[in-house]
């Protein structure tokens, strides 16, 4: 019974965070923020700079929130930029996934550490 309760609470917290991320994503799309970001950009000439900007955003974002929530929030913002600039979406997706994996273990947020602590009952 304790295992089911613990699993239910952990799942509920994860779904609340994902739900909040989805609400924020809907608001970003409703306000047309990705489209307004595309207007001032020179998309043909600076694709290397966009990769660095996206990597930095994922790196800094993972310091502040869980990687799943960050994925839900940043994907609708960067997807139109990636499409319009001609970048390979698989490359950008792998880069974002790598950034999220790197930043999920160490502190500041460190959700992997908190998960390991909860599973193995260690301080």
PDB file of N, CA and C in Angstrom:
ATOM      1  N   UNK A   1       0.809  -1.196   0.000  1.00  0.00           N
ATOM      2  CA  UNK A   1       0.000   0.000   0.000  1.00  0.00           C
ATOM      3  C   UNK A   1       0.854   1.261   0.000  1.00  0.00           C
ATOM      4  N   UNK A   2       1.973   1.234   0.748  1.00  0.00           N
ATOM      5  CA  UNK A   2       2.857   2.394   0.792  1.00  0.00           C
ATOM      6  C   UNK A   2       3.485   2.668  -0.572  1.00  0.00           C
ATOM      7  N   UNK A   3       3.801   1.607  -1.291  1.00  0.00           N
ATOM      8  CA  UNK A   3       4.393   1.772  -2.618  1.00  0.00           C
ATOM      9  C   UNK A   3       3.408   2.422  -3.574  1.00  0.00           C
ATOM     10  N   UNK A   4       2.157   1.974  -3.518  1.00  0.00           N
ATOM     11  CA  UNK A   4       1.136   2.558  -4.400  1.00  0.00           C
ATOM     12  C   UNK A   4       0.902   4.025  -4.069  1.00  0.00           C
ATOM     13  N   UNK A   5       0.878   4.366  -2.795  1.00  0.00           N
ATOM     14  CA  UNK A   5       0.690   5.756  -2.389  1.00  0.00           C
ATOM     15  C   UNK A   5       1.862   6.623  -2.830  1.00  0.00           C
ATOM     16  N   UNK A   6       3.079   6.119  -2.637  1.00  0.00           N
ATOM     17  CA  UNK A   6       4.267   6.866  -3.053  1.00  0.00           C
ATOM     18  C   UNK A   6       4.293   7.066  -4.563  1.00  0.00           C
ATOM     19  N   UNK A   7       3.960   6.017  -5.302  1.00  0.00           N
ATOM     20  CA  UNK A   7       3.925   6.113  -6.761  1.00  0.00           C
ATOM     21  C   UNK A   7       2.847   7.091  -7.216  1.00  0.00           C
ATOM     22  N   UNK A   8       1.705   7.035  -6.574  1.00  0.00           N
ATOM     23  CA  UNK A   8       0.612   7.956  -6.915  1.00  0.00           C
ATOM     24  C   UNK A   8       0.987   9.408  -6.660  1.00  0.00           C
ATOM     25  N   UNK A   9       1.632   9.669  -5.543  1.00  0.00           N
ATOM     26  CA  UNK A   9       2.038  11.041  -5.243  1.00  0.00           C
ATOM     27  C   UNK A   9       3.100  11.545  -6.219  1.00  0.00           C
ATOM     28  N   UNK A  10       4.070  10.699  -6.519  1.00  0.00           N
ATOM     29  CA  UNK A  10       5.112  11.098  -7.474  1.00  0.00           C
ATOM     30  C   UNK A  10       4.514  11.359  -8.853  1.00  0.00           C
ATOM     31  N   UNK A  11       3.604  10.490  -9.276  1.00  0.00           N
ATOM     32  CA  UNK A  11       2.954  10.670 -10.571  1.00  0.00           C
ATOM     33  C   UNK A  11       2.088  11.922 -10.577  1.00  0.00           C
ATOM     34  N   UNK A  12       1.399  12.180  -9.480  1.00  0.00           N
ATOM     35  CA  UNK A  12       0.555  13.384  -9.403  1.00  0.00           C
ATOM     36  C   UNK A  12       1.389  14.650  -9.517  1.00  0.00           C
ATOM     37  N   UNK A  13       2.532  14.682  -8.845  1.00  0.00           N
ATOM     38  CA  UNK A  13       3.408  15.855  -8.938  1.00  0.00           C
ATOM     39  C   UNK A  13       3.900  16.031 -10.372  1.00  0.00           C
ATOM     40  N   UNK A  14       4.288  14.936 -11.002  1.00  0.00           N
ATOM     41  CA  UNK A  14       4.771  15.026 -12.388  1.00  0.00           C
ATOM     42  C   UNK A  14       3.674  15.531 -13.316  1.00  0.00           C
ATOM     43  N   UNK A  15       2.448  15.031 -13.146  1.00  0.00           N
ATOM     44  CA  UNK A  15       1.356  15.472 -14.011  1.00  0.00           C
ATOM     45  C   UNK A  15       0.958  16.916 -13.753  1.00  0.00           C
ATOM     46  N   UNK A  16       1.057  17.360 -12.509  1.00  0.00           N
ATOM     47  CA  UNK A  16       0.778  18.771 -12.225  1.00  0.00           C
ATOM     48  C   UNK A  16       1.790  19.658 -12.927  1.00  0.00           C
ATOM     49  N   UNK A  17       3.069  19.272 -12.877  1.00  0.00           N
ATOM     50  CA  UNK A  17       4.102  20.057 -13.559  1.00  0.00           C
ATOM     51  C   UNK A  17       3.915  20.052 -15.071  1.00  0.00           C
ATOM     52  N   UNK A  18       3.591  18.894 -15.627  1.00  0.00           N
ATOM     53  CA  UNK A  18       3.355  18.816 -17.070  1.00  0.00           C
ATOM     54  C   UNK A  18       2.111  19.615 -17.451  1.00  0.00           C
ATOM     55  N   UNK A  19       1.075  19.555 -16.634  1.00  0.00           N
ATOM     56  CA  UNK A  19      -0.135  20.339 -16.906  1.00  0.00           C
ATOM     57  C   UNK A  19       0.139  21.832 -16.880  1.00  0.00           C
ATOM     58  N   UNK A  20       0.930  22.276 -15.911  1.00  0.00           N
ATOM     59  CA  UNK A  20       1.295  23.692 -15.857  1.00  0.00           C
ATOM     60  C   UNK A  20       2.137  24.084 -17.073  1.00  0.00           C
ATOM     61  N   UNK A  21       3.024  23.194 -17.482  1.00  0.00           N
ATOM     62  CA  UNK A  21       3.820  23.458 -18.683  1.00  0.00           C
ATOM     63  C   UNK A  21       2.956  23.533 -19.929  1.00  0.00           C
ATOM     64  N   UNK A  22       1.965  22.661 -20.016  1.00  0.00           N
ATOM     65  CA  UNK A  22       1.053  22.688 -21.164  1.00  0.00           C
ATOM     66  C   UNK A  22       0.229  23.966 -21.180  1.00  0.00           C
ATOM     67  N   UNK A  23      -0.204  24.420 -20.000  1.00  0.00           N
ATOM     68  CA  UNK A  23      -0.952  25.676 -19.934  1.00  0.00           C
ATOM     69  C   UNK A  23      -0.076  26.848 -20.373  1.00  0.00           C
ATOM     70  N   UNK A  24       1.173  26.843 -19.948  1.00  0.00           N
ATOM     71  CA  UNK A  24       2.095  27.902 -20.364  1.00  0.00           C
ATOM     72  C   UNK A  24       2.354  27.834 -21.864  1.00  0.00           C
ATOM     73  N   UNK A  25       2.488  26.624 -22.404  1.00  0.00           N
ATOM     74  CA  UNK A  25       2.691  26.448 -23.840  1.00  0.00           C
ATOM     75  C   UNK A  25       1.485  26.951 -24.620  1.00  0.00           C
ATOM     76  N   UNK A  26       0.282  26.665 -24.136  1.00  0.00           N
ATOM     77  CA  UNK A  26      -0.921  27.159 -24.802  1.00  0.00           C
ATOM     78  C   UNK A  26      -0.936  28.681 -24.795  1.00  0.00           C
ATOM     79  N   UNK A  27      -0.557  29.281 -23.671  1.00  0.00           N
ATOM     80  CA  UNK A  27      -0.525  30.741 -23.585  1.00  0.00           C
ATOM     81  C   UNK A  27       0.494  31.323 -24.562  1.00  0.00           C
ATOM     82  N   UNK A  28       1.662  30.696 -24.665  1.00  0.00           N
ATOM     83  CA  UNK A  28       2.686  31.158 -25.603  1.00  0.00           C
ATOM     84  C   UNK A  28       2.158  31.078 -27.033  1.00  0.00           C
ATOM     85  N   UNK A  29       1.495  29.994 -27.367  1.00  0.00           N
ATOM     86  CA  UNK A  29       0.950  29.844 -28.718  1.00  0.00           C
ATOM     87  C   UNK A  29      -0.195  30.819 -28.970  1.00  0.00           C
ATOM     88  N   UNK A  30      -1.042  31.029 -27.972  1.00  0.00           N
ATOM     89  CA  UNK A  30      -2.172  31.939 -28.115  1.00  0.00           C
ATOM     90  C   UNK A  30      -1.702  33.378 -28.321  1.00  0.00           C
ATOM     91  N   UNK A  31      -0.651  33.764 -27.635  1.00  0.00           N
ATOM     92  CA  UNK A  31      -0.099  35.111 -27.775  1.00  0.00           C
ATOM     93  C   UNK A  31       0.806  35.248 -29.001  1.00  0.00           C
ATOM     94  N   UNK A  32       1.030  34.162 -29.727  1.00  0.00           N
ATOM     95  CA  UNK A  32       1.849  34.110 -30.942  1.00  0.00           C
ATOM     96  C   UNK A  32       3.267  34.612 -30.702  1.00  0.00           C
ATOM     97  N   UNK A  33       3.839  34.185 -29.588  1.00  0.00           N
ATOM     98  CA  UNK A  33       5.210  34.575 -29.257  1.00  0.00           C
ATOM     99  C   UNK A  33       6.223  33.966 -30.226  1.00  0.00           C
ATOM    100  N   UNK A  34       6.128  32.678 -30.620  1.00  0.00           N
ATOM    101  CA  UNK A  34       7.106  32.165 -31.590  1.00  0.00           C
ATOM    102  C   UNK A  34       7.092  32.934 -32.914  1.00  0.00           C
ATOM    103  N   UNK A  35       5.912  33.326 -33.374  1.00  0.00           N
ATOM    104  CA  UNK A  35       5.838  34.078 -34.630  1.00  0.00           C
ATOM    105  C   UNK A  35       6.461  35.462 -34.474  1.00  0.00           C
ATOM    106  N   UNK A  36       6.279  36.076 -33.314  1.00  0.00           N
ATOM    107  CA  UNK A  36       6.881  37.398 -33.117  1.00  0.00           C
ATOM    108  C   UNK A  36       8.397  37.305 -32.970  1.00  0.00           C
ATOM    109  N   UNK A  37       8.908  36.151 -32.529  1.00  0.00           N
ATOM    110  CA  UNK A  37      10.354  35.980 -32.462  1.00  0.00           C
ATOM    111  C   UNK A  37      10.974  35.787 -33.839  1.00  0.00           C
ATOM    112  N   UNK A  38      10.193  35.274 -34.796  1.00  0.00           N
ATOM    113  CA  UNK A  38      10.717  35.028 -36.137  1.00  0.00           C
ATOM    114  C   UNK A  38      10.920  36.303 -36.947  1.00  0.00           C
ATOM    115  N   UNK A  39      10.119  37.329 -36.689  1.00  0.00           N
ATOM    116  CA  UNK A  39      10.158  38.531 -37.525  1.00  0.00           C
ATOM    117  C   UNK A  39      11.521  39.214 -37.578  1.00  0.00           C
ATOM    118  N   UNK A  40      12.189  39.485 -36.442  1.00  0.00           N
ATOM    119  CA  UNK A  40      13.452  40.228 -36.540  1.00  0.00           C
ATOM    120  C   UNK A  40      14.672  39.377 -36.878  1.00  0.00           C
ATOM    121  N   UNK A  41      14.514  38.066 -37.013  1.00  0.00           N
ATOM    122  CA  UNK A  41      15.665  37.191 -37.212  1.00  0.00           C
ATOM    123  C   UNK A  41      16.047  37.078 -38.677  1.00  0.00           C
ATOM    124  N   UNK A  42      17.355  37.032 -38.919  1.00  0.00           N
ATOM    125  CA  UNK A  42      17.879  36.750 -40.253  1.00  0.00           C
ATOM    126  C   UNK A  42      18.142  35.250 -40.300  1.00  0.00           C
ATOM    127  N   UNK A  43      17.170  34.494 -40.797  1.00  0.00           N
ATOM    128  CA  UNK A  43      17.196  33.044 -40.642  1.00  0.00           C
ATOM    129  C   UNK A  43      18.135  32.317 -41.601  1.00  0.00           C
ATOM    130  N   UNK A  44      18.562  32.951 -42.664  1.00  0.00           N
ATOM    131  CA  UNK A  44      19.413  32.250 -43.619  1.00  0.00           C
ATOM    132  C   UNK A  44      20.882  32.269 -43.229  1.00  0.00           C
ATOM    133  N   UNK A  45      21.335  33.314 -42.544  1.00  0.00           N
ATOM    134  CA  UNK A  45      22.769  33.486 -42.385  1.00  0.00           C
ATOM    135  C   UNK A  45      23.336  33.035 -41.047  1.00  0.00           C
ATOM    136  N   UNK A  46      22.536  32.866 -40.031  1.00  0.00           N
ATOM    137  CA  UNK A  46      23.099  32.657 -38.698  1.00  0.00           C
ATOM    138  C   UNK A  46      22.616  31.368 -38.043  1.00  0.00           C
ATOM    139  N   UNK A  47      22.555  30.276 -38.799  1.00  0.00           N
ATOM    140  CA  UNK A  47      22.014  29.043 -38.226  1.00  0.00           C
ATOM    141  C   UNK A  47      22.912  28.482 -37.132  1.00  0.00           C
ATOM    142  N   UNK A  48      24.237  28.684 -37.236  1.00  0.00           N
ATOM    143  CA  UNK A  48      25.135  28.217 -36.183  1.00  0.00           C
ATOM    144  C   UNK A  48      24.875  28.950 -34.873  1.00  0.00           C
ATOM    145  N   UNK A  49      24.562  30.220 -34.974  1.00  0.00           N
ATOM    146  CA  UNK A  49      24.267  30.987 -33.766  1.00  0.00           C
ATOM    147  C   UNK A  49      22.963  30.516 -33.125  1.00  0.00           C
ATOM    148  N   UNK A  50      21.997  30.102 -33.923  1.00  0.00           N
ATOM    149  CA  UNK A  50      20.731  29.619 -33.371  1.00  0.00           C
ATOM    150  C   UNK A  50      20.929  28.323 -32.597  1.00  0.00           C
ATOM    151  N   UNK A  51      21.821  27.469 -33.070  1.00  0.00           N
ATOM    152  CA  UNK A  51      22.116  26.236 -32.337  1.00  0.00           C
ATOM    153  C   UNK A  51      22.702  26.571 -30.971  1.00  0.00           C
ATOM    154  N   UNK A  52      23.621  27.522 -30.926  1.00  0.00           N
ATOM    155  CA  UNK A  52      24.204  27.926 -29.645  1.00  0.00           C
ATOM    156  C   UNK A  52      23.169  28.567 -28.719  1.00  0.00           C
ATOM    157  N   UNK A  53      22.290  29.379 -29.273  1.00  0.00           N
ATOM    158  CA  UNK A  53      21.248  30.013 -28.466  1.00  0.00           C
ATOM    159  C   UNK A  53      20.304  28.965 -27.894  1.00  0.00           C
ATOM    160  N   UNK A  54      19.897  28.006 -28.707  1.00  0.00           N
ATOM    161  CA  UNK A  54      19.000  26.946 -28.241  1.00  0.00           C
ATOM    162  C   UNK A  54      19.694  26.114 -27.164  1.00  0.00           C
ATOM    163  N   UNK A  55      20.971  25.778 -27.365  1.00  0.00           N
ATOM    164  CA  UNK A  55      21.705  24.999 -26.360  1.00  0.00           C
ATOM    165  C   UNK A  55      21.804  25.755 -25.044  1.00  0.00           C
ATOM    166  N   UNK A  56      22.075  27.039 -25.117  1.00  0.00           N
ATOM    167  CA  UNK A  56      22.167  27.841 -23.889  1.00  0.00           C
ATOM    168  C   UNK A  56      20.818  27.934 -23.185  1.00  0.00           C
ATOM    169  N   UNK A  57      19.752  28.072 -23.950  1.00  0.00           N
ATOM    170  CA  UNK A  57      18.425  28.153 -23.336  1.00  0.00           C
ATOM    171  C   UNK A  57      18.072  26.857 -22.620  1.00  0.00           C
ATOM    172  N   UNK A  58      18.385  25.711 -23.235  1.00  0.00           N
ATOM    173  CA  UNK A  58      18.118  24.441 -22.578  1.00  0.00           C
ATOM    174  C   UNK A  58      19.001  24.275 -21.348  1.00  0.00           C
ATOM    175  N   UNK A  59      20.252  24.685 -21.438  1.00  0.00           N
ATOM    176  CA  UNK A  59      21.171  24.549 -20.309  1.00  0.00           C
ATOM    177  C   UNK A  59      20.713  25.385 -19.119  1.00  0.00           C
ATOM    178  N   UNK A  60      20.406  26.640 -19.371  1.00  0.00           N
ATOM    179  CA  UNK A  60      19.974  27.532 -18.291  1.00  0.00           C
ATOM    180  C   UNK A  60      18.584  27.141 -17.790  1.00  0.00           C
ATOM    181  N   UNK A  61      17.707  26.748 -18.694  1.00  0.00           N
ATOM    182  CA  UNK A  61      16.361  26.356 -18.288  1.00  0.00           C
ATOM    183  C   UNK A  61      16.352  25.139 -17.392  1.00  0.00           C
ATOM    184  N   UNK A  62      17.239  24.189 -17.650  1.00  0.00           N
ATOM    185  CA  UNK A  62      17.303  22.988 -16.810  1.00  0.00           C
ATOM    186  C   UNK A  62      17.860  23.292 -15.427  1.00  0.00           C
ATOM    187  N   UNK A  63      18.499  24.429 -15.267  1.00  0.00           N
ATOM    188  CA  UNK A  63      18.915  24.837 -13.925  1.00  0.00           C
ATOM    189  C   UNK A  63      17.716  25.217 -13.073  1.00  0.00           C
ATOM    190  N   UNK A  64      16.639  25.643 -13.709  1.00  0.00           N
ATOM    191  CA  UNK A  64      15.516  26.222 -12.992  1.00  0.00           C
ATOM    192  C   UNK A  64      14.301  25.316 -12.872  1.00  0.00           C
ATOM    193  N   UNK A  65      14.038  24.486 -13.893  1.00  0.00           N
ATOM    194  CA  UNK A  65      12.857  23.619 -13.877  1.00  0.00           C
ATOM    195  C   UNK A  65      13.235  22.217 -14.320  1.00  0.00           C
ATOM    196  N   UNK A  66      12.307  21.299 -14.158  1.00  0.00           N
ATOM    197  CA  UNK A  66      12.493  19.917 -14.575  1.00  0.00           C
ATOM    198  C   UNK A  66      12.620  19.845 -16.095  1.00  0.00           C
ATOM    199  N   UNK A  67      13.376  18.879 -16.573  1.00  0.00           N
ATOM    200  CA  UNK A  67      13.656  18.788 -18.011  1.00  0.00           C
ATOM    201  C   UNK A  67      12.399  18.503 -18.831  1.00  0.00           C
ATOM    202  N   UNK A  68      11.462  17.713 -18.306  1.00  0.00           N
ATOM    203  CA  UNK A  68      10.221  17.435 -19.039  1.00  0.00           C
ATOM    204  C   UNK A  68       9.401  18.709 -19.216  1.00  0.00           C
ATOM    205  N   UNK A  69       9.315  19.504 -18.161  1.00  0.00           N
ATOM    206  CA  UNK A  69       8.588  20.764 -18.261  1.00  0.00           C
ATOM    207  C   UNK A  69       9.274  21.721 -19.224  1.00  0.00           C
ATOM    208  N   UNK A  70      10.593  21.735 -19.185  1.00  0.00           N
ATOM    209  CA  UNK A  70      11.336  22.607 -20.095  1.00  0.00           C
ATOM    210  C   UNK A  70      11.115  22.194 -21.548  1.00  0.00           C
ATOM    211  N   UNK A  71      11.065  20.901 -21.794  1.00  0.00           N
ATOM    212  CA  UNK A  71      10.803  20.416 -23.148  1.00  0.00           C
ATOM    213  C   UNK A  71       9.432  20.864 -23.624  1.00  0.00           C
ATOM    214  N   UNK A  72       8.440  20.784 -22.757  1.00  0.00           N
ATOM    215  CA  UNK A  72       7.080  21.192 -23.109  1.00  0.00           C
ATOM    216  C   UNK A  72       7.012  22.698 -23.359  1.00  0.00           C
ATOM    217  N   UNK A  73       7.812  23.470 -22.639  1.00  0.00           N
ATOM    218  CA  UNK A  73       7.773  24.922 -22.767  1.00  0.00           C
ATOM    219  C   UNK A  73       8.581  25.419 -23.960  1.00  0.00           C
ATOM    220  N   UNK A  74       9.800  24.897 -24.152  1.00  0.00           N
ATOM    221  CA  UNK A  74      10.692  25.459 -25.175  1.00  0.00           C
ATOM    222  C   UNK A  74      10.462  24.917 -26.580  1.00  0.00           C
ATOM    223  N   UNK A  75       9.918  23.721 -26.709  1.00  0.00           N
ATOM    224  CA  UNK A  75       9.721  23.161 -28.049  1.00  0.00           C
ATOM    225  C   UNK A  75       8.820  24.020 -28.927  1.00  0.00           C
ATOM    226  N   UNK A  76       7.660  24.498 -28.444  1.00  0.00           N
ATOM    227  CA  UNK A  76       6.842  25.345 -29.327  1.00  0.00           C
ATOM    228  C   UNK A  76       7.487  26.689 -29.650  1.00  0.00           C
ATOM    229  N   UNK A  77       8.416  27.130 -28.822  1.00  0.00           N
ATOM    230  CA  UNK A  77       9.094  28.395 -29.100  1.00  0.00           C
ATOM    231  C   UNK A  77      10.150  28.207 -30.178  1.00  0.00           C
ATOM    232  N   UNK A  78      10.940  27.131 -30.070  1.00  0.00           N
ATOM    233  CA  UNK A  78      12.060  26.950 -30.987  1.00  0.00           C
ATOM    234  C   UNK A  78      11.717  26.183 -32.258  1.00  0.00           C
ATOM    235  N   UNK A  79      10.630  25.431 -32.291  1.00  0.00           N
ATOM    236  CA  UNK A  79      10.293  24.649 -33.489  1.00  0.00           C
ATOM    237  C   UNK A  79      10.104  25.515 -34.729  1.00  0.00           C
ATOM    238  N   UNK A  80       9.382  26.639 -34.668  1.00  0.00           N
ATOM    239  CA  UNK A  80       9.275  27.462 -35.878  1.00  0.00           C
ATOM    240  C   UNK A  80      10.609  28.065 -36.317  1.00  0.00           C
ATOM    241  N   UNK A  81      11.465  28.390 -35.360  1.00  0.00           N
ATOM    242  CA  UNK A  81      12.774  28.949 -35.698  1.00  0.00           C
ATOM    243  C   UNK A  81      13.632  27.894 -36.377  1.00  0.00           C
ATOM    244  N   UNK A  82      13.597  26.668 -35.872  1.00  0.00           N
ATOM    245  CA  UNK A  82      14.365  25.578 -36.476  1.00  0.00           C
ATOM    246  C   UNK A  82      13.866  25.299 -37.886  1.00  0.00           C
ATOM    247  N   UNK A  83      12.550  25.253 -38.074  1.00  0.00           N
ATOM    248  CA  UNK A  83      11.991  25.002 -39.403  1.00  0.00           C
ATOM    249  C   UNK A  83      12.339  26.116 -40.383  1.00  0.00           C
ATOM    250  N   UNK A  84      12.201  27.351 -39.940  1.00  0.00           N
ATOM    251  CA  UNK A  84      12.426  28.482 -40.840  1.00  0.00           C
ATOM    252  C   UNK A  84      13.897  28.679 -41.183  1.00  0.00           C
ATOM    253  N   UNK A  85      14.797  28.289 -40.278  1.00  0.00           N
ATOM    254  CA  UNK A  85      16.224  28.507 -40.537  1.00  0.00           C
ATOM    255  C   UNK A  85      16.866  27.371 -41.315  1.00  0.00           C
ATOM    256  N   UNK A  86      16.156  26.268 -41.504  1.00  0.00           N
ATOM    257  CA  UNK A  86      16.694  25.157 -42.275  1.00  0.00           C
ATOM    258  C   UNK A  86      17.586  24.228 -41.463  1.00  0.00           C
ATOM    259  N   UNK A  87      17.574  24.364 -40.152  1.00  0.00           N
ATOM    260  CA  UNK A  87      18.346  23.449 -39.311  1.00  0.00           C
ATOM    261  C   UNK A  87      17.700  22.076 -39.316  1.00  0.00           C
ATOM    262  N   UNK A  88      18.512  21.057 -39.079  1.00  0.00           N
ATOM    263  CA  UNK A  88      18.000  19.700 -39.001  1.00  0.00           C
ATOM    264  C   UNK A  88      17.278  19.526 -37.663  1.00  0.00           C
ATOM    265  N   UNK A  89      15.972  19.238 -37.673  1.00  0.00           N
ATOM    266  CA  UNK A  89      15.245  19.113 -36.414  1.00  0.00           C
ATOM    267  C   UNK A  89      15.738  17.956 -35.542  1.00  0.00           C
ATOM    268  N   UNK A  90      16.245  16.906 -36.162  1.00  0.00           N
ATOM    269  CA  UNK A  90      16.766  15.782 -35.384  1.00  0.00           C
ATOM    270  C   UNK A  90      18.028  16.204 -34.632  1.00  0.00           C
ATOM    271  N   UNK A  91      18.891  16.973 -35.296  1.00  0.00           N
ATOM    272  CA  UNK A  91      20.100  17.472 -34.651  1.00  0.00           C
ATOM    273  C   UNK A  91      19.753  18.356 -33.455  1.00  0.00           C
ATOM    274  N   UNK A  92      18.824  19.265 -33.642  1.00  0.00           N
ATOM    275  CA  UNK A  92      18.424  20.171 -32.563  1.00  0.00           C
ATOM    276  C   UNK A  92      17.746  19.393 -31.437  1.00  0.00           C
ATOM    277  N   UNK A  93      16.933  18.410 -31.778  1.00  0.00           N
ATOM    278  CA  UNK A  93      16.289  17.585 -30.754  1.00  0.00           C
ATOM    279  C   UNK A  93      17.290  16.780 -29.947  1.00  0.00           C
ATOM    280  N   UNK A  94      18.272  16.193 -30.623  1.00  0.00           N
ATOM    281  CA  UNK A  94      19.311  15.446 -29.909  1.00  0.00           C
ATOM    282  C   UNK A  94      20.136  16.365 -29.017  1.00  0.00           C
ATOM    283  N   UNK A  95      20.425  17.566 -29.505  1.00  0.00           N
ATOM    284  CA  UNK A  95      21.190  18.517 -28.716  1.00  0.00           C
ATOM    285  C   UNK A  95      20.406  18.938 -27.466  1.00  0.00           C
ATOM    286  N   UNK A  96      19.120  19.197 -27.627  1.00  0.00           N
ATOM    287  CA  UNK A  96      18.290  19.554 -26.481  1.00  0.00           C
ATOM    288  C   UNK A  96      18.178  18.414 -25.487  1.00  0.00           C
ATOM    289  N   UNK A  97      18.032  17.187 -25.990  1.00  0.00           N
ATOM    290  CA  UNK A  97      17.957  16.018 -25.119  1.00  0.00           C
ATOM    291  C   UNK A  97      19.255  15.829 -24.349  1.00  0.00           C
ATOM    292  N   UNK A  98      20.375  16.022 -25.014  1.00  0.00           N
ATOM    293  CA  UNK A  98      21.673  15.910 -24.345  1.00  0.00           C
ATOM    294  C   UNK A  98      21.823  16.976 -23.266  1.00  0.00           C
ATOM    295  N   UNK A  99      21.411  18.198 -23.566  1.00  0.00           N
ATOM    296  CA  UNK A  99      21.481  19.266 -22.568  1.00  0.00           C
ATOM    297  C   UNK A  99      20.609  18.934 -21.360  1.00  0.00           C
ATOM    298  N   UNK A 100      19.420  18.405 -21.601  1.00  0.00           N
ATOM    299  CA  UNK A 100      18.524  18.060 -20.496  1.00  0.00           C
ATOM    300  C   UNK A 100      19.092  16.909 -19.670  1.00  0.00           C
ATOM    301  N   UNK A 101      19.726  15.934 -20.333  1.00  0.00           N
ATOM    302  CA  UNK A 101      20.314  14.811 -19.599  1.00  0.00           C
ATOM    303  C   UNK A 101      21.494  15.263 -18.751  1.00  0.00           C
ATOM    304  N   UNK A 102      22.293  16.152 -19.293  1.00  0.00           N
ATOM    305  CA  UNK A 102      23.448  16.656 -18.544  1.00  0.00           C
ATOM    306  C   UNK A 102      22.993  17.434 -17.317  1.00  0.00           C
ATOM    307  N   UNK A 103      21.973  18.254 -17.478  1.00  0.00           N
ATOM    308  CA  UNK A 103      21.553  19.133 -16.387  1.00  0.00           C
ATOM    309  C   UNK A 103      20.571  18.481 -15.424  1.00  0.00           C
ATOM    310  N   UNK A 104      20.119  17.267 -15.667  1.00  0.00           N
ATOM    311  CA  UNK A 104      19.157  16.663 -14.748  1.00  0.00           C
ATOM    312  C   UNK A 104      19.824  16.003 -13.557  1.00  0.00           C
ATOM    313  N   UNK A 105      21.124  15.778 -13.594  1.00  0.00           N
ATOM    314  CA  UNK A 105      21.798  15.099 -12.491  1.00  0.00           C
ATOM    315  C   UNK A 105      22.362  16.050 -11.427  1.00  0.00           C
ATOM    316  N   UNK A 106      23.178  17.024 -11.780  1.00  0.00           N
ATOM    317  CA  UNK A 106      23.798  17.831 -10.718  1.00  0.00           C
ATOM    318  C   UNK A 106      22.845  18.859 -10.137  1.00  0.00           C
ATOM    319  N   UNK A 107      23.201  19.417  -8.982  1.00  0.00           N
ATOM    320  CA  UNK A 107      22.372  20.487  -8.428  1.00  0.00           C
ATOM    321  C   UNK A 107      22.356  21.655  -9.387  1.00  0.00           C
ATOM    322  N   UNK A 108      21.535  22.320  -9.398  1.00  0.00           N
ATOM    323  CA  UNK A 108      20.598  23.173  -8.763  1.00  0.00           C
ATOM    324  C   UNK A 108      19.256  22.469  -8.616  1.00  0.00           C
ATOM    325  N   UNK A 109      18.751  21.914  -9.688  1.00  0.00           N
ATOM    326  CA  UNK A 109      17.461  21.229  -9.593  1.00  0.00           C
ATOM    327  C   UNK A 109      17.674  19.742  -9.327  1.00  0.00           C
ATOM    328  N   UNK A 110      18.485  19.078 -10.111  1.00  0.00           N
ATOM    329  CA  UNK A 110      18.919  17.719  -9.861  1.00  0.00           C
ATOM    330  C   UNK A 110      17.832  16.696  -9.615  1.00  0.00           C
ATOM    331  N   UNK A 111      16.848  16.604 -10.524  1.00  0.00           N
ATOM    332  CA  UNK A 111      15.730  15.685 -10.291  1.00  0.00           C
ATOM    333  C   UNK A 111      16.176  14.235 -10.267  1.00  0.00           C
ATOM    334  N   UNK A 112      17.244  13.878 -10.964  1.00  0.00           N
ATOM    335  CA  UNK A 112      17.733  12.498 -10.922  1.00  0.00           C
ATOM    336  C   UNK A 112      18.247  12.137  -9.533  1.00  0.00           C
ATOM    337  N   UNK A 113      18.887  13.089  -8.864  1.00  0.00           N
ATOM    338  CA  UNK A 113      19.382  12.836  -7.514  1.00  0.00           C
ATOM    339  C   UNK A 113      18.215  12.642  -6.555  1.00  0.00           C
ATOM    340  N   UNK A 114      17.191  13.493  -6.666  1.00  0.00           N
ATOM    341  CA  UNK A 114      16.029  13.354  -5.788  1.00  0.00           C
ATOM    342  C   UNK A 114      15.307  12.036  -6.028  1.00  0.00           C
ATOM    343  N   UNK A 115      15.245  11.602  -7.269  1.00  0.00           N
ATOM    344  CA  UNK A 115      14.613  10.321  -7.584  1.00  0.00           C
ATOM    345  C   UNK A 115      15.406   9.165  -6.980  1.00  0.00           C
ATOM    346  N   UNK A 116      16.728   9.208  -7.104  1.00  0.00           N
ATOM    347  CA  UNK A 116      17.568   8.148  -6.528  1.00  0.00           C
ATOM    348  C   UNK A 116      17.458   8.116  -5.003  1.00  0.00           C
ATOM    349  N   UNK A 117      17.405   9.290  -4.376  1.00  0.00           N
ATOM    350  CA  UNK A 117      17.244   9.357  -2.929  1.00  0.00           C
ATOM    351  C   UNK A 117      15.925   8.722  -2.506  1.00  0.00           C
ATOM    352  N   UNK A 118      14.861   9.007  -3.248  1.00  0.00           N
ATOM    353  CA  UNK A 118      13.550   8.460  -2.902  1.00  0.00           C
ATOM    354  C   UNK A 118      13.488   6.950  -3.116  1.00  0.00           C
ATOM    355  N   UNK A 119      14.130   6.467  -4.162  1.00  0.00           N
ATOM    356  CA  UNK A 119      14.062   5.031  -4.468  1.00  0.00           C
ATOM    357  C   UNK A 119      14.900   4.215  -3.491  1.00  0.00           C
ATOM    358  N   UNK A 120      16.119   4.675  -3.201  1.00  0.00           N
ATOM    359  CA  UNK A 120      17.036   3.893  -2.388  1.00  0.00           C
ATOM    360  C   UNK A 120      17.012   4.251  -0.900  1.00  0.00           C
ATOM    361  N   UNK A 121      16.145   5.186  -0.510  1.00  0.00           N
ATOM    362  CA  UNK A 121      16.013   5.602   0.882  1.00  0.00           C
ATOM    363  C   UNK A 121      17.365   5.950   1.510  1.00  0.00           C
ATOM    364  N   UNK A 122      18.126   6.749   0.800  1.00  0.00           N
ATOM    365  CA  UNK A 122      19.438   7.209   1.275  1.00  0.00           C
ATOM    366  C   UNK A 122      19.404   8.716   1.438  1.00  0.00           C
ATOM    367  N   UNK A 123      20.186   9.244   2.366  1.00  0.00           N
ATOM    368  CA  UNK A 123      20.233  10.708   2.500  1.00  0.00           C
ATOM    369  C   UNK A 123      21.028  11.346   1.387  1.00  0.00           C
TER     370      UNK A 123
END
